[in-house]
Protein backbone atom coordinates (compact mmCIF):
# COMPACT_ATOMS: atom_id res chain seq x y z
CA MET A 1 159.04 117.13 179.77
CA LEU A 2 160.97 116.04 182.89
CA ALA A 3 161.67 112.72 181.14
CA TYR A 4 163.48 114.36 178.21
CA PRO A 5 166.95 114.33 179.87
CA GLU A 6 166.56 110.61 180.57
CA LEU A 7 165.35 110.08 177.01
CA VAL A 8 168.60 111.57 175.75
CA ARG A 9 170.87 109.82 178.29
CA SER A 10 169.34 106.42 177.61
CA GLY A 11 170.17 106.61 173.91
CA MET A 12 166.54 106.55 172.83
CA VAL A 13 167.00 109.70 170.75
CA VAL A 14 169.74 107.96 168.75
CA LYS A 15 167.51 104.94 168.15
CA LEU A 16 164.61 107.20 167.20
CA VAL A 17 166.67 109.03 164.59
CA GLU A 18 168.07 105.75 163.24
CA LEU A 19 164.50 104.65 162.50
CA LEU A 20 164.26 107.52 160.01
CA THR A 21 166.48 105.41 157.73
CA HIS A 22 164.13 102.41 157.89
CA GLU A 23 163.26 100.94 154.50
CA ASN A 24 159.56 100.89 155.40
CA VAL A 25 158.22 104.38 154.75
CA ASP A 26 155.21 103.80 157.00
CA ILE A 27 157.53 103.32 159.97
CA VAL A 28 159.41 106.50 159.01
CA ILE A 29 156.12 108.42 158.91
CA ASP A 30 155.18 107.16 162.40
CA VAL A 31 158.59 108.22 163.75
CA VAL A 32 158.20 111.68 162.20
CA GLU A 33 154.83 112.04 163.92
CA LEU A 34 156.40 111.08 167.25
CA ILE A 35 159.23 113.61 166.82
CA LYS A 36 156.63 116.24 165.94
CA GLU A 37 154.76 115.54 169.19
CA LEU A 38 157.96 115.56 171.25
CA THR A 39 159.14 118.90 169.84
CA ASP A 40 155.79 120.66 170.20
CA GLU A 41 156.34 123.73 172.39
CA ASP A 42 153.09 123.06 174.28
CA VAL A 43 154.07 119.55 175.36
CA GLY A 44 154.20 119.19 179.13
CA ASN A 45 152.18 122.32 179.88
CA GLU A 46 149.18 120.46 181.26
CA ALA A 47 151.36 118.20 183.38
CA ASP A 48 153.15 121.17 184.90
CA GLU A 49 149.83 122.81 185.72
CA ASP A 50 148.49 119.63 187.36
CA GLU A 51 151.59 119.43 189.56
CA ASP A 52 150.92 123.02 190.62
CA GLU A 53 154.57 124.01 190.06
CA ASP A 54 155.79 127.54 190.18
CA GLU A 55 155.19 128.99 186.72
CA ASP A 56 158.72 130.32 186.20
CA GLU A 57 160.29 127.12 187.47
CA ALA A 58 158.04 125.00 185.28
CA GLY A 59 158.86 127.12 182.23
CA SER A 60 162.60 126.82 182.91
CA SER A 61 162.26 123.05 183.29
CA ARG A 62 160.40 122.73 179.99
CA GLU A 63 162.96 124.87 178.19
CA LYS A 64 165.93 122.90 179.51
CA GLY A 65 164.27 119.61 178.64
CA MET A 66 163.40 120.78 175.13
CA LYS A 67 166.93 122.07 174.58
CA LEU A 68 168.42 118.71 175.53
CA LEU A 69 166.04 116.90 173.19
CA ILE A 70 166.55 119.22 170.21
CA ASP A 71 170.32 119.29 170.67
CA GLY A 72 170.30 115.50 170.77
CA LEU A 73 168.25 115.31 167.58
CA LEU A 74 170.49 117.80 165.79
CA GLU A 75 173.69 116.02 166.84
CA ASN A 76 172.31 112.87 165.22
CA THR A 77 171.64 114.64 161.87
CA VAL A 78 167.86 114.58 162.19
CA LEU A 79 167.50 117.53 159.78
CA GLU A 80 169.38 115.81 156.98
CA LEU A 81 167.38 112.60 157.40
CA LEU A 82 164.03 114.39 157.54
CA VAL A 83 164.79 116.29 154.33
CA SER A 84 166.02 113.21 152.50
CA ASN A 85 162.83 111.38 153.44
CA LEU A 86 160.67 114.04 151.80
CA ALA A 87 161.64 112.54 148.43
CA ARG A 88 160.49 109.10 149.60
CA MET A 89 156.95 110.23 150.36
CA ASN A 90 154.28 110.14 147.68
CA GLU A 91 151.82 112.92 148.45
CA ALA A 92 149.19 111.24 146.31
CA GLU A 93 148.79 108.90 149.30
CA GLU A 94 147.03 110.32 152.37
CA SER A 95 149.49 108.84 154.88
CA ASP A 96 152.50 110.15 152.95
CA ARG A 97 150.87 113.55 152.56
CA GLN A 98 150.40 113.69 156.34
CA GLY A 99 154.01 112.58 156.71
CA VAL A 100 155.20 115.56 154.69
CA TYR A 101 153.01 117.89 156.76
CA ASN A 102 154.42 116.49 160.01
CA THR A 103 157.97 116.83 158.70
CA LEU A 104 157.40 120.51 157.99
CA ASN A 105 155.85 120.77 161.46
CA VAL A 106 159.04 119.39 163.02
CA PHE A 107 161.10 122.01 161.20
CA GLU A 108 158.78 124.75 162.45
CA ASN A 109 158.95 123.44 166.02
CA ILE A 110 162.75 123.39 166.01
CA LEU A 111 162.99 126.85 164.42
CA ALA A 112 160.53 128.27 166.94
CA PHE A 113 162.81 127.04 169.74
CA ASN A 114 166.09 127.98 168.03
CA PRO A 115 165.79 130.29 164.98
CA ALA A 116 169.54 129.99 164.31
CA VAL A 117 168.94 126.43 163.09
CA SER A 118 167.50 127.93 159.90
CA ARG A 119 171.04 128.47 158.66
CA THR A 120 171.89 124.81 159.28
CA LEU A 121 168.77 123.77 157.38
CA VAL A 122 169.85 125.77 154.34
CA THR A 123 173.56 124.87 154.36
CA ASN A 124 173.41 121.19 155.39
CA THR A 125 170.29 120.05 153.53
CA SER A 126 168.51 120.52 150.24
CA LEU A 127 165.38 121.87 151.95
CA LEU A 128 165.51 125.28 150.24
CA LYS A 129 165.54 123.60 146.83
CA TRP A 130 162.64 121.36 147.88
CA LEU A 131 160.61 124.32 149.17
CA LEU A 132 161.07 126.29 145.95
CA GLU A 133 159.98 123.31 143.89
CA ARG A 134 157.01 122.56 146.13
CA VAL A 135 155.50 126.07 145.99
CA GLN A 136 155.33 125.70 142.20
CA ALA A 137 152.90 122.78 142.43
CA LYS A 138 149.77 123.33 140.36
CA THR A 139 147.48 121.71 142.91
CA HIS A 140 146.81 123.76 146.03
CA ASP A 141 146.70 121.98 149.40
CA ASP A 142 147.68 122.32 153.06
CA ASN A 143 151.25 121.20 152.41
CA ARG A 144 151.72 123.93 149.81
CA VAL A 145 150.56 126.53 152.34
CA TYR A 146 152.88 125.11 155.01
CA THR A 147 155.76 125.12 152.54
CA SER A 148 155.27 128.83 151.86
CA GLU A 149 155.11 129.53 155.61
CA LEU A 150 158.37 127.69 156.26
CA LEU A 151 160.05 129.55 153.40
CA ALA A 152 158.99 132.86 154.95
CA ILE A 153 160.40 131.78 158.33
CA ILE A 154 163.76 130.78 156.85
CA LEU A 155 164.13 134.12 155.06
CA GLN A 156 162.85 136.23 157.95
CA ASP A 157 166.09 137.46 159.49
CA ASN A 158 169.09 135.68 157.99
CA ARG A 159 171.15 137.45 155.34
CA GLN A 160 173.01 134.36 154.17
CA ASN A 161 169.78 132.41 153.75
CA ARG A 162 168.42 135.26 151.64
CA LEU A 163 171.52 135.28 149.46
CA ASP A 164 171.31 131.50 148.99
CA PHE A 165 167.63 131.95 148.14
CA GLY A 166 168.67 134.38 145.40
CA LYS A 167 171.39 132.06 144.06
CA ALA A 168 168.86 129.21 143.92
CA GLY A 169 166.64 131.24 141.60
CA GLY A 170 164.16 131.95 144.37
CA VAL A 171 163.28 135.46 143.23
CA ASP A 172 162.31 134.34 139.73
CA THR A 173 160.41 131.37 141.17
CA LEU A 174 158.29 133.50 143.49
CA LEU A 175 157.63 136.10 140.81
CA GLN A 176 156.46 133.37 138.47
CA VAL A 177 154.14 131.82 141.06
CA LEU A 178 152.77 135.19 142.16
CA SER A 179 152.13 136.32 138.59
CA GLN A 180 148.99 134.14 138.51
CA TYR A 181 147.37 136.57 140.95
CA ARG A 182 147.45 139.45 138.47
CA LYS A 183 144.09 138.50 137.04
CA LYS A 184 142.57 136.18 139.64
CA ASP A 185 142.19 136.09 143.39
CA PRO A 186 142.93 133.12 145.68
CA VAL A 187 139.89 130.86 146.00
CA ASP A 188 139.87 130.59 149.80
CA ALA A 189 141.53 131.75 153.01
CA ASP A 190 144.23 129.06 152.79
CA GLU A 191 145.31 130.21 149.37
CA VAL A 192 145.28 133.83 150.58
CA GLU A 193 147.71 132.75 153.31
CA PHE A 194 149.86 131.01 150.69
CA MET A 195 149.97 134.13 148.53
CA GLU A 196 150.77 136.40 151.47
CA ASN A 197 153.56 134.10 152.66
CA LEU A 198 155.21 134.35 149.25
CA PHE A 199 154.89 138.14 149.24
CA ASP A 200 156.35 138.23 152.77
CA SER A 201 159.26 136.05 151.60
CA LEU A 202 159.96 138.53 148.84
CA CYS A 203 159.81 141.47 151.24
CA SER A 204 162.23 139.82 153.66
CA SER A 205 164.72 138.95 150.94
CA LEU A 206 164.56 142.47 149.47
CA ALA A 207 166.36 143.77 152.55
CA GLU A 208 169.54 142.65 150.73
CA PRO A 209 170.96 144.80 147.88
CA GLU A 210 171.83 141.66 145.93
CA ILE A 211 168.19 140.55 145.95
CA LYS A 212 167.04 143.99 144.80
CA SER A 213 169.25 143.54 141.74
CA LEU A 214 167.78 140.10 141.02
CA PHE A 215 164.27 141.48 141.53
CA LEU A 216 164.97 144.26 139.02
CA ALA A 217 166.50 141.85 136.49
CA GLY A 218 163.53 139.51 136.86
CA GLU A 219 161.14 142.35 135.93
CA GLY A 220 159.73 142.31 139.43
CA VAL A 221 159.07 146.05 139.42
CA GLU A 222 157.02 145.82 136.24
CA LEU A 223 155.00 142.87 137.62
CA MET A 224 154.23 144.71 140.86
CA VAL A 225 153.13 147.82 138.93
CA ILE A 226 150.76 145.68 136.88
CA MET A 227 149.35 144.18 140.08
CA MET A 228 148.90 147.67 141.53
CA LYS A 229 146.66 148.57 138.60
CA GLU A 230 144.36 145.59 139.12
CA LYS A 231 141.59 145.49 141.72
CA MET A 232 142.72 142.12 143.04
CA LEU A 233 143.80 141.03 146.53
CA ALA A 234 147.43 141.03 145.39
CA ARG A 235 147.29 144.80 144.89
CA SER A 236 148.01 145.67 148.53
CA ARG A 237 150.86 143.18 148.73
CA SER A 238 152.42 144.46 145.53
CA ILE A 239 152.52 147.95 147.06
CA LYS A 240 154.30 146.53 150.10
CA VAL A 241 156.86 144.69 147.94
CA LEU A 242 157.59 147.86 145.96
CA ASP A 243 158.11 149.76 149.20
CA PHE A 244 160.76 147.23 150.29
CA ALA A 245 162.36 147.05 146.84
CA MET A 246 162.78 150.82 146.55
CA GLN A 247 164.15 151.53 150.03
CA GLY A 248 167.71 152.75 150.53
CA THR A 249 170.34 153.71 147.98
CA ALA A 250 170.35 150.13 146.68
CA GLY A 251 166.75 150.72 145.61
CA THR A 252 167.61 153.58 143.24
CA ALA A 253 167.45 151.42 140.11
CA CYS A 254 164.07 150.05 141.20
CA CYS A 255 162.81 153.62 141.73
CA GLU A 256 163.88 154.62 138.23
CA MET A 257 162.29 151.51 136.73
CA PHE A 258 159.09 152.23 138.68
CA VAL A 259 158.77 155.63 136.98
CA GLU A 260 159.69 154.15 133.60
CA ALA A 261 157.02 151.45 134.05
CA LEU A 262 154.40 154.21 134.46
CA GLY A 263 153.86 153.45 138.12
CA LEU A 264 153.39 157.07 139.19
CA LYS A 265 149.84 157.37 137.88
CA THR A 266 148.65 154.26 139.69
CA LEU A 267 150.57 155.14 142.85
CA PHE A 268 149.10 158.61 143.18
CA SER A 269 145.64 157.38 142.29
CA ALA A 270 145.90 155.06 145.31
CA PHE A 271 147.44 157.87 147.36
CA MET A 272 144.44 160.10 146.66
CA GLY A 273 142.02 157.29 147.42
CA LYS A 274 140.72 157.19 143.85
CA ALA A 275 141.72 153.59 143.15
CA LYS A 276 138.97 151.75 145.01
CA LYS A 277 139.82 148.20 145.86
CA GLN A 278 137.41 145.44 144.96
CA LYS A 279 135.43 144.39 148.03
CA ASN A 280 136.46 140.87 148.90
CA PRO A 281 135.61 138.96 152.09
CA LEU A 282 139.07 137.35 151.96
CA ALA A 283 140.89 140.70 152.12
CA THR A 284 143.20 140.96 155.14
CA THR A 285 145.15 144.19 154.58
CA PRO A 286 143.80 147.35 156.28
CA ALA A 287 143.77 150.60 154.31
CA SER A 288 146.14 152.17 156.85
CA GLU A 289 148.83 149.64 155.92
CA ASP A 290 148.47 150.51 152.23
CA ALA A 291 148.84 154.21 153.09
CA THR A 292 152.01 153.51 155.08
CA HIS A 293 153.66 151.67 152.18
CA ILE A 294 152.51 154.27 149.64
CA LEU A 295 154.17 156.98 151.70
CA GLY A 296 157.26 154.79 151.92
CA ILE A 297 157.40 154.52 148.12
CA ILE A 298 157.00 158.30 147.70
CA SER A 299 159.78 158.88 150.24
CA SER A 300 162.09 156.48 148.39
CA LEU A 301 161.35 158.16 145.07
CA PHE A 302 162.36 161.57 146.44
CA SER A 303 165.43 160.13 148.17
CA ASN A 304 166.76 158.06 145.28
CA ILE A 305 165.84 159.66 141.97
CA PRO A 306 168.58 162.12 140.81
CA SER A 307 167.50 165.75 141.06
CA ASP A 308 168.43 166.56 137.47
CA SER A 309 166.68 163.58 135.88
CA THR A 310 163.55 163.40 133.78
CA ALA A 311 162.07 160.97 136.27
CA ARG A 312 162.46 163.58 139.02
CA VAL A 313 160.61 166.15 136.95
CA ARG A 314 157.79 163.69 136.34
CA LEU A 315 157.58 163.03 140.08
CA LEU A 316 157.45 166.71 140.98
CA THR A 317 154.85 167.35 138.30
CA LYS A 318 152.49 164.99 140.10
CA PHE A 319 152.47 167.34 143.09
CA VAL A 320 151.79 170.42 140.92
CA GLU A 321 148.95 169.06 138.82
CA SER A 322 145.27 169.40 139.80
CA ASP A 323 145.94 172.54 141.82
CA TYR A 324 148.43 170.88 144.20
CA GLU A 325 145.90 168.34 145.45
CA LYS A 326 148.65 165.85 146.41
CA VAL A 327 150.27 168.46 148.66
CA ASP A 328 146.91 169.05 150.32
CA ARG A 329 146.54 165.31 150.79
CA LEU A 330 149.97 165.11 152.46
CA LEU A 331 148.97 167.86 154.87
CA GLU A 332 145.72 166.01 155.65
CA ILE A 333 147.66 162.85 156.44
CA ARG A 334 150.06 164.78 158.67
CA GLU A 335 147.25 166.49 160.59
CA SER A 336 145.42 163.19 161.04
CA ALA A 337 148.59 161.51 162.32
CA GLU A 338 149.26 164.34 164.74
CA ALA A 339 145.69 164.13 166.08
CA ARG A 340 145.97 160.37 166.66
CA LEU A 341 149.37 160.82 168.30
CA ALA A 342 147.96 163.47 170.66
CA VAL A 343 145.22 161.07 171.80
CA THR A 344 147.73 158.25 172.30
CA ASN A 345 150.12 160.50 174.25
CA LYS A 346 147.25 161.52 176.52
CA GLU A 347 146.33 157.89 177.18
CA ILE A 348 149.96 156.97 177.90
CA GLU A 349 150.39 159.87 180.28
CA GLN A 350 147.25 158.79 182.14
CA GLU A 351 148.58 155.24 182.44
CA ARG A 352 151.92 156.58 183.68
CA ARG A 353 150.25 158.65 186.41
CA GLU A 354 148.12 155.68 187.52
CA MET A 355 151.17 153.42 187.78
CA ILE A 356 153.06 155.97 189.85
CA ALA A 357 150.01 156.53 192.08
CA ASP A 358 149.80 152.76 192.68
CA GLY A 359 153.48 152.69 193.65
CA GLU A 360 154.57 150.81 190.55
CA ASP A 361 157.91 151.46 188.87
CA VAL A 362 157.89 152.62 185.26
CA GLY A 363 160.54 150.47 183.61
CA PRO A 364 162.15 150.21 180.17
CA GLU A 365 159.59 147.59 179.10
CA ASP A 366 156.76 150.01 179.79
CA GLU A 367 158.53 152.76 177.84
CA ASP A 368 159.08 150.38 174.91
CA ARG A 369 155.44 149.32 174.97
CA TRP A 370 154.27 152.93 174.94
CA TYR A 371 156.70 153.81 172.17
CA LEU A 372 155.31 151.05 169.96
CA ARG A 373 151.77 152.32 170.56
CA LYS A 374 152.82 155.66 169.14
């Protein structure tokens, strides 16, 4: 890592990037692998430990060296060249397939170091278009999983990227790909990860009102309601997507469509614990997470549906029927939450007393950590 500044000053970074334009694809693939190794966040860790450096000093040295390297790569348009080379690689060949994987790895390494680069990736390259095309591949493999992961990273916390995703037809693309999981489950853990990455991408993008509109127009609400009714792995994720789609005033139209699509019956069946999920060893979503999103949907329905509408009456009726069993269930959930909170508060107070007794200062980080536990 200490050699990175010299690597940049000597002009080797420029020469390295220039090799990405080489007419021999095999050479390009080797260069991509080298850049992947150089940008790995763990590079240099062992060396620093062997030299017995101060941990903070070593970490600062690694960060400065990595910043110099990545800045040098970016200044020499490495992103544009890496994306353009994706079209040159034939994934039917093992070496090319590994080249694509390593290229995606480079993007992930750079984004892990500087998340703001995601905007540059979307605006200066055609990567978003490539990602959306790649997730539609019929054959499932490691590169398809990595593609879905990178898409989720790009959409994680950037409004403009989400809007560009919508303009590129991303919402319809993901809905189309995810629709296959209405009637069948992923075949293995890798495909489960692929599916969950796509659902997470949808959830992130649905933070924007414009994407909620595209989701509604693309019949996303209806698809998620159908998935809720099935005892497939996608059921839990569909509940989460609906929670995000229906939040806020911008989610009003989605709330109304949810009622129109007969989602109330399935929602409250899950709320009462009557809709038992199919036992599947690949399942990753805890029941508590489902309950959280179900409550979020109910909250959005009450917040967004007009008080004088037929949909509102249908919602209220659900709480009256069966001798107010849904109201009883709400009270049970509240009492359970209060009991868990009381235990957590007791544990936190004990930890606080122990820290003070040991002469330790209770700082903002400790308060934040305790708050998150609640």
